[in-house]
Amino acid sequence: MKKLLRIALFCVFTFGAASAVSAQESYGKALNLFATFGNNSSVTGNYEIALAKNWTISPEATVPFDFDYIRAGARVDYYFDSLLKLNEPWDIWGGAGAGFNIGLASDYNSDLSWNLHIGGEYKFNQTWGIILEAGNSGGSLGVGIHM
């Protein structure tokens, strides 16, 4: 009887550990495309690369709708999902980005600019999600494509 109980407990523990591992979300390998409207109307794209647990780093490019310049930079994001005990399909993050404006005219070239942001994503499935993000550069609506 003790042997049967040990086997049953081992199976329950193994199943529970496997379920916990599969429930942990990995970040990175996501292409995000945003549209920002208002005074700074633009399209932004970034590709997330996993940096550490709950952290990603992303090269990023922004092109305004009037095509006067390109903003090239990078961003770092921290995902609050495990801290807030959120499960799929939700992601919530906060982060900071930095970049330079590269323009056709010298008045669009700039020193280093910073951006703080917070955002969320609802994933429809393993590949597609809708993103809402806000920061000191405005609010953005976008799509996430997870690879």
Protein backbone atom coordinates (compact mmCIF):
# COMPACT_ATOMS: atom_id res chain seq x y z
CA MET A 1 0.00 0.00 0.00
CA LYS A 2 2.86 2.41 0.86
CA LYS A 3 4.51 1.67 -2.47
CA LEU A 4 1.27 2.41 -4.35
CA LEU A 5 0.85 5.66 -2.41
CA ARG A 6 4.43 6.70 -3.25
CA ILE A 7 3.89 5.97 -6.93
CA ALA A 8 0.63 7.94 -6.92
CA LEU A 9 2.26 10.92 -5.14
CA PHE A 10 5.19 10.78 -7.55
CA CYS A 11 2.79 10.85 -10.53
CA VAL A 12 0.81 13.77 -9.06
CA PHE A 13 4.02 15.71 -8.33
CA THR A 14 5.43 15.02 -11.80
CA PHE A 15 2.19 16.05 -13.50
CA GLY A 16 1.98 19.20 -11.36
CA ALA A 17 5.57 20.19 -12.09
CA ALA A 18 5.10 19.59 -15.82
CA SER A 19 1.93 21.70 -15.80
CA ALA A 20 3.70 24.52 -13.95
CA VAL A 21 6.57 24.51 -16.45
CA SER A 22 4.22 24.62 -19.43
CA ALA A 23 2.26 27.46 -17.81
CA GLN A 24 5.37 29.65 -17.57
CA GLU A 25 5.37 32.04 -20.46
CA SER A 26 8.45 32.80 -22.50
CA TYR A 27 8.95 36.22 -24.04
CA GLY A 28 10.81 37.23 -27.14
CA LYS A 29 10.58 36.12 -30.77
CA ALA A 30 7.75 38.60 -31.38
CA LEU A 31 7.40 41.20 -34.13
CA ASN A 32 5.30 44.14 -32.94
CA LEU A 33 3.86 46.77 -35.29
CA PHE A 34 2.23 49.94 -33.87
CA ALA A 35 0.39 52.92 -35.32
CA THR A 36 0.40 56.18 -33.36
CA PHE A 37 -2.07 58.94 -34.21
CA GLY A 38 -2.19 62.62 -33.30
CA ASN A 39 0.60 65.18 -33.55
CA ASN A 40 3.25 62.45 -33.84
CA SER A 41 1.43 60.09 -36.23
CA SER A 42 3.77 57.27 -37.14
CA VAL A 43 4.32 53.56 -37.63
CA THR A 44 6.72 51.73 -35.31
CA GLY A 45 8.11 48.23 -35.48
CA ASN A 46 10.26 46.24 -33.08
CA TYR A 47 11.44 42.66 -32.70
CA GLU A 48 11.60 41.28 -29.15
CA ILE A 49 14.55 39.16 -28.06
CA ALA A 50 14.49 37.40 -24.67
CA LEU A 51 17.11 38.90 -22.38
CA ALA A 52 16.37 37.22 -19.02
CA LYS A 53 13.32 35.91 -17.18
CA ASN A 54 10.51 38.45 -17.83
CA TRP A 55 12.89 40.81 -19.72
CA THR A 56 13.18 41.52 -23.45
CA ILE A 57 15.32 43.84 -25.55
CA SER A 58 14.21 45.07 -28.97
CA PRO A 59 15.71 46.96 -31.87
CA GLU A 60 13.09 49.50 -32.94
CA ALA A 61 12.38 51.81 -35.88
CA THR A 62 9.74 54.53 -36.24
CA VAL A 63 8.65 56.21 -39.48
CA PRO A 64 6.23 59.17 -39.32
CA PHE A 65 3.41 59.33 -41.83
CA ASP A 66 5.02 62.41 -43.46
CA PHE A 67 8.31 60.48 -43.96
CA ASP A 68 10.46 63.42 -42.74
CA TYR A 69 12.77 61.25 -40.64
CA ILE A 70 13.37 57.77 -39.25
CA ARG A 71 13.82 57.15 -35.54
CA ALA A 72 16.21 54.26 -34.88
CA GLY A 73 16.75 52.90 -31.41
CA ALA A 74 16.21 50.12 -28.92
CA ARG A 75 13.96 49.37 -25.96
CA VAL A 76 13.96 47.15 -22.89
CA ASP A 77 10.70 45.79 -21.43
CA TYR A 78 9.83 44.01 -18.19
CA TYR A 79 6.75 41.72 -18.22
CA PHE A 80 4.64 41.91 -15.05
CA ASP A 81 2.66 38.72 -15.81
CA SER A 82 4.29 36.51 -13.18
CA LEU A 83 4.29 39.30 -10.58
CA LEU A 84 0.56 39.93 -11.16
CA LYS A 85 -0.15 36.20 -11.63
CA LEU A 86 -1.61 36.77 -15.10
CA ASN A 87 -2.14 33.82 -17.39
CA GLU A 88 -2.43 33.70 -21.14
CA PRO A 89 -3.86 35.39 -23.16
CA TRP A 90 -2.78 38.60 -21.34
CA ASP A 91 0.61 40.33 -21.17
CA ILE A 92 1.37 43.57 -19.32
CA TRP A 93 4.75 45.28 -19.52
CA GLY A 94 6.60 48.48 -18.80
CA GLY A 95 9.86 49.69 -20.17
CA ALA A 96 12.14 52.33 -21.56
CA GLY A 97 13.47 53.07 -25.00
CA ALA A 98 16.07 55.33 -26.53
CA GLY A 99 16.86 56.39 -30.08
CA PHE A 100 18.03 58.99 -32.57
CA ASN A 101 16.08 60.80 -35.26
CA ILE A 102 17.76 60.56 -38.64
CA GLY A 103 16.27 63.07 -41.07
CA LEU A 104 16.62 64.30 -44.59
CA ALA A 105 17.03 67.85 -43.28
CA SER A 106 19.38 68.75 -40.43
CA ASP A 107 16.49 70.12 -38.32
CA TYR A 108 15.16 66.54 -37.89
CA ASN A 109 18.44 65.10 -36.64
CA SER A 110 18.48 64.92 -32.86
CA ASP A 111 20.41 63.93 -29.83
CA LEU A 112 19.45 60.85 -27.91
CA SER A 113 15.74 60.80 -27.01
CA TRP A 114 14.11 58.69 -24.27
CA ASN A 115 10.70 57.09 -24.00
CA LEU A 116 9.02 55.46 -21.01
CA HIS A 117 6.03 53.26 -21.80
CA ILE A 118 3.53 50.78 -20.42
CA GLY A 119 1.48 48.38 -22.50
CA GLY A 120 -0.71 45.36 -22.69
CA GLU A 121 -1.50 42.65 -25.19
CA TYR A 122 -4.41 40.28 -25.64
CA LYS A 123 -3.39 37.20 -27.65
CA PHE A 124 -6.07 35.71 -29.89
CA ASN A 125 -4.00 32.58 -30.44
CA GLN A 126 -0.36 31.40 -30.41
CA THR A 127 0.54 33.80 -33.25
CA TRP A 128 -1.61 36.95 -33.17
CA GLY A 129 -2.29 39.55 -30.51
CA ILE A 130 -3.63 43.10 -30.26
CA ILE A 131 -1.50 45.64 -28.38
CA LEU A 132 -2.30 48.92 -26.67
CA GLU A 133 0.65 50.96 -25.42
CA ALA A 134 1.04 54.43 -23.89
CA GLY A 135 4.09 56.51 -23.08
CA ASN A 136 5.57 59.95 -23.24
CA SER A 137 5.49 59.74 -27.04
CA GLY A 138 1.69 59.15 -27.07
CA GLY A 139 -0.62 56.19 -27.33
CA SER A 140 -0.32 53.39 -29.86
CA LEU A 141 -2.47 50.57 -31.16
CA GLY A 142 -0.76 47.60 -32.74
CA VAL A 143 -0.50 43.93 -33.51
CA GLY A 144 1.90 41.35 -32.14
CA ILE A 145 3.09 38.48 -34.31
CA HIS A 146 4.61 35.70 -32.20
CA MET A 147 6.99 33.30 -33.90
